[in-house]
Amino acid sequence: MADEQATALVAALTARGETVAAAESLTAGLVCATLAQVPGASAALRGGLVVYATELKASLAGVDTALLADHGAVHPEVARQLAAGARERCGATWGLGLTGVAGPAAQGGVAPGTVHVGLAGPGTRTVRTLALSGDRDMIRTESVRAAFALLGEHLA
């Protein structure tokens, strides 16, 4: 059964004639998979990029290589650029970008549960930073929920 947040987003996007795409690191496609469970999702979901490896953030999503070299893959500006890259490369109205550490260990000195969610859309480029707790599955699930909430706020 489709997630209630995903169902509401697909309905809102469809009603507005708008679309969404995602560039996902720690969630590895979970945003798109959750949206795709909703009947009629094809009217709103353009596609996504799974950019789990750092170099793919640059080559597929267009994240600045200097940013990645200087700050690593888990950084607010990386999430912002992932969102913009997803939007541009998939031809969507809205782009979501997610990067973070699902754990159990720290990554590049960044604590597990640190997640950055970016959103790019008409007149919008924003990022939300989260400090989540729980195991890998919980952190990944909460990251998807946070991405859906951020997009939902901008559609309201």
Protein backbone atom coordinates (compact mmCIF):
# COMPACT_ATOMS: atom_id res chain seq x y z
CA MET A 1 0.00 0.00 0.00
CA ALA A 2 1.25 3.47 -0.87
CA ASP A 3 2.49 5.84 1.80
CA GLU A 4 -0.04 8.54 2.79
CA GLN A 5 2.49 11.36 2.29
CA ALA A 6 3.37 10.02 -1.15
CA THR A 7 -0.29 9.72 -2.10
CA ALA A 8 -0.93 13.32 -1.05
CA LEU A 9 2.11 14.57 -2.98
CA VAL A 10 1.17 12.73 -6.17
CA ALA A 11 -2.36 14.15 -5.92
CA ALA A 12 -1.11 17.71 -5.31
CA LEU A 13 1.46 17.58 -8.08
CA THR A 14 -1.01 16.08 -10.53
CA ALA A 15 -3.65 18.70 -9.70
CA ARG A 16 -1.08 21.44 -10.34
CA GLY A 17 0.24 19.83 -13.52
CA GLU A 18 3.71 19.64 -11.96
CA THR A 19 6.33 16.93 -11.64
CA VAL A 20 9.12 15.82 -9.32
CA ALA A 21 12.46 14.04 -9.65
CA ALA A 22 15.04 13.05 -7.05
CA ALA A 23 18.79 12.61 -6.74
CA GLU A 24 19.28 10.21 -3.86
CA SER A 25 22.38 9.15 -1.99
CA LEU A 26 21.64 7.55 1.39
CA THR A 27 18.07 6.64 0.37
CA ALA A 28 19.28 4.91 -2.82
CA GLY A 29 16.01 5.28 -4.73
CA LEU A 30 13.57 4.99 -1.81
CA VAL A 31 12.00 8.40 -2.55
CA CYS A 32 11.17 7.42 -6.12
CA ALA A 33 10.15 3.88 -5.16
CA THR A 34 7.75 5.21 -2.52
CA LEU A 35 6.19 7.69 -4.94
CA ALA A 36 5.91 5.00 -7.64
CA GLN A 37 3.74 2.86 -5.35
CA VAL A 38 0.96 5.44 -5.72
CA PRO A 39 -1.53 4.65 -8.52
CA GLY A 40 -1.22 7.40 -11.12
CA ALA A 41 2.31 8.35 -10.04
CA SER A 42 3.43 8.50 -13.66
CA ALA A 43 1.60 11.84 -13.98
CA ALA A 44 3.87 13.37 -11.32
CA LEU A 45 7.08 11.35 -11.02
CA ARG A 46 9.64 12.07 -13.76
CA GLY A 47 12.44 9.86 -12.45
CA GLY A 48 15.49 9.84 -10.31
CA LEU A 49 19.21 9.41 -9.96
CA VAL A 50 20.76 7.03 -7.45
CA VAL A 51 24.08 8.69 -6.68
CA TYR A 52 25.35 6.57 -3.83
CA ALA A 53 28.98 6.87 -4.93
CA THR A 54 30.49 10.33 -4.45
CA GLU A 55 31.77 10.66 -8.02
CA LEU A 56 28.26 10.01 -9.37
CA LYS A 57 26.98 13.05 -7.50
CA ALA A 58 29.15 15.10 -9.86
CA SER A 59 28.88 13.11 -13.09
CA LEU A 60 25.15 12.32 -12.97
CA ALA A 61 23.66 15.12 -10.86
CA GLY A 62 26.07 17.94 -11.62
CA VAL A 63 27.33 18.58 -8.09
CA ASP A 64 30.44 20.77 -8.13
CA THR A 65 33.56 18.60 -7.82
CA ALA A 66 35.38 21.28 -5.79
CA LEU A 67 32.52 21.29 -3.27
CA LEU A 68 32.76 17.51 -2.94
CA ALA A 69 36.55 17.67 -2.57
CA ASP A 70 36.43 20.47 0.00
CA HIS A 71 33.45 19.43 2.11
CA GLY A 72 32.67 15.81 1.29
CA ALA A 73 29.42 14.29 0.09
CA VAL A 74 27.41 15.02 3.23
CA HIS A 75 26.95 18.79 3.18
CA PRO A 76 23.93 21.11 2.84
CA GLU A 77 25.14 22.61 -0.44
CA VAL A 78 25.56 19.10 -1.89
CA ALA A 79 21.87 18.44 -1.12
CA ARG A 80 20.92 21.74 -2.75
CA GLN A 81 22.92 20.91 -5.88
CA LEU A 82 21.55 17.36 -5.99
CA ALA A 83 18.01 18.79 -5.98
CA ALA A 84 18.85 21.23 -8.77
CA GLY A 85 20.56 18.48 -10.75
CA ALA A 86 17.59 16.11 -10.43
CA ARG A 87 15.23 18.86 -11.54
CA GLU A 88 17.34 19.84 -14.53
CA ARG A 89 18.43 16.42 -15.72
CA CYS A 90 14.98 14.84 -15.40
CA GLY A 91 13.07 17.86 -16.70
CA ALA A 92 10.89 18.14 -13.59
CA THR A 93 9.16 21.09 -11.97
CA TRP A 94 10.63 20.11 -8.59
CA GLY A 95 13.84 18.38 -7.61
CA LEU A 96 14.67 16.67 -4.34
CA GLY A 97 18.23 15.93 -3.24
CA LEU A 98 19.15 13.74 -0.31
CA THR A 99 22.56 13.09 1.21
CA GLY A 100 23.54 11.89 4.65
CA VAL A 101 24.87 9.14 6.85
CA ALA A 102 22.52 6.25 7.61
CA GLY A 103 25.08 4.56 9.86
CA PRO A 104 25.90 2.63 11.81
CA ALA A 105 29.34 4.31 11.63
CA ALA A 106 30.32 7.90 10.97
CA GLN A 107 31.37 8.83 7.41
CA GLY A 108 34.15 11.34 6.86
CA GLY A 109 33.72 12.60 10.41
CA VAL A 110 29.96 13.09 9.96
CA ALA A 111 27.79 11.43 12.59
CA PRO A 112 25.17 8.81 11.70
CA GLY A 113 21.75 10.39 11.37
CA THR A 114 23.07 13.60 9.82
CA VAL A 115 20.93 14.17 6.73
CA HIS A 116 20.55 17.10 4.33
CA VAL A 117 17.44 17.34 2.16
CA GLY A 118 17.45 19.81 -0.70
CA LEU A 119 14.56 21.16 -2.74
CA ALA A 120 14.74 23.01 -6.05
CA GLY A 121 11.71 24.36 -7.87
CA PRO A 122 10.17 27.50 -9.30
CA GLY A 123 11.85 30.33 -7.37
CA THR A 124 12.96 27.86 -4.70
CA ARG A 125 16.33 26.45 -3.67
CA THR A 126 16.40 25.39 -0.06
CA VAL A 127 17.85 22.75 2.21
CA ARG A 128 16.83 21.27 5.53
CA THR A 129 19.36 19.64 7.85
CA LEU A 130 18.23 16.82 10.11
CA ALA A 131 19.74 15.02 13.10
CA LEU A 132 17.96 11.66 13.06
CA SER A 133 18.33 8.69 15.37
CA GLY A 134 17.69 5.00 14.98
CA ASP A 135 19.03 2.23 12.81
CA ARG A 136 19.80 2.48 9.08
CA ASP A 137 16.24 1.65 8.01
CA MET A 138 14.74 4.23 10.38
CA ILE A 139 17.13 6.96 9.26
CA ARG A 140 16.47 6.24 5.58
CA THR A 141 12.69 6.12 6.12
CA GLU A 142 12.69 9.37 8.10
CA SER A 143 14.81 11.00 5.39
CA VAL A 144 12.15 10.16 2.80
CA ARG A 145 9.43 11.51 5.09
CA ALA A 146 11.40 14.73 5.57
CA ALA A 147 11.84 15.14 1.81
CA PHE A 148 8.12 14.64 1.26
CA ALA A 149 7.30 17.12 4.05
CA LEU A 150 9.62 19.75 2.57
CA LEU A 151 8.07 19.41 -0.88
CA GLY A 152 4.56 19.34 0.61
CA GLU A 153 5.19 22.63 2.43
CA HIS A 154 6.08 24.31 -0.86
CA LEU A 155 3.04 22.88 -2.62
CA ALA A 156 0.64 24.05 0.11
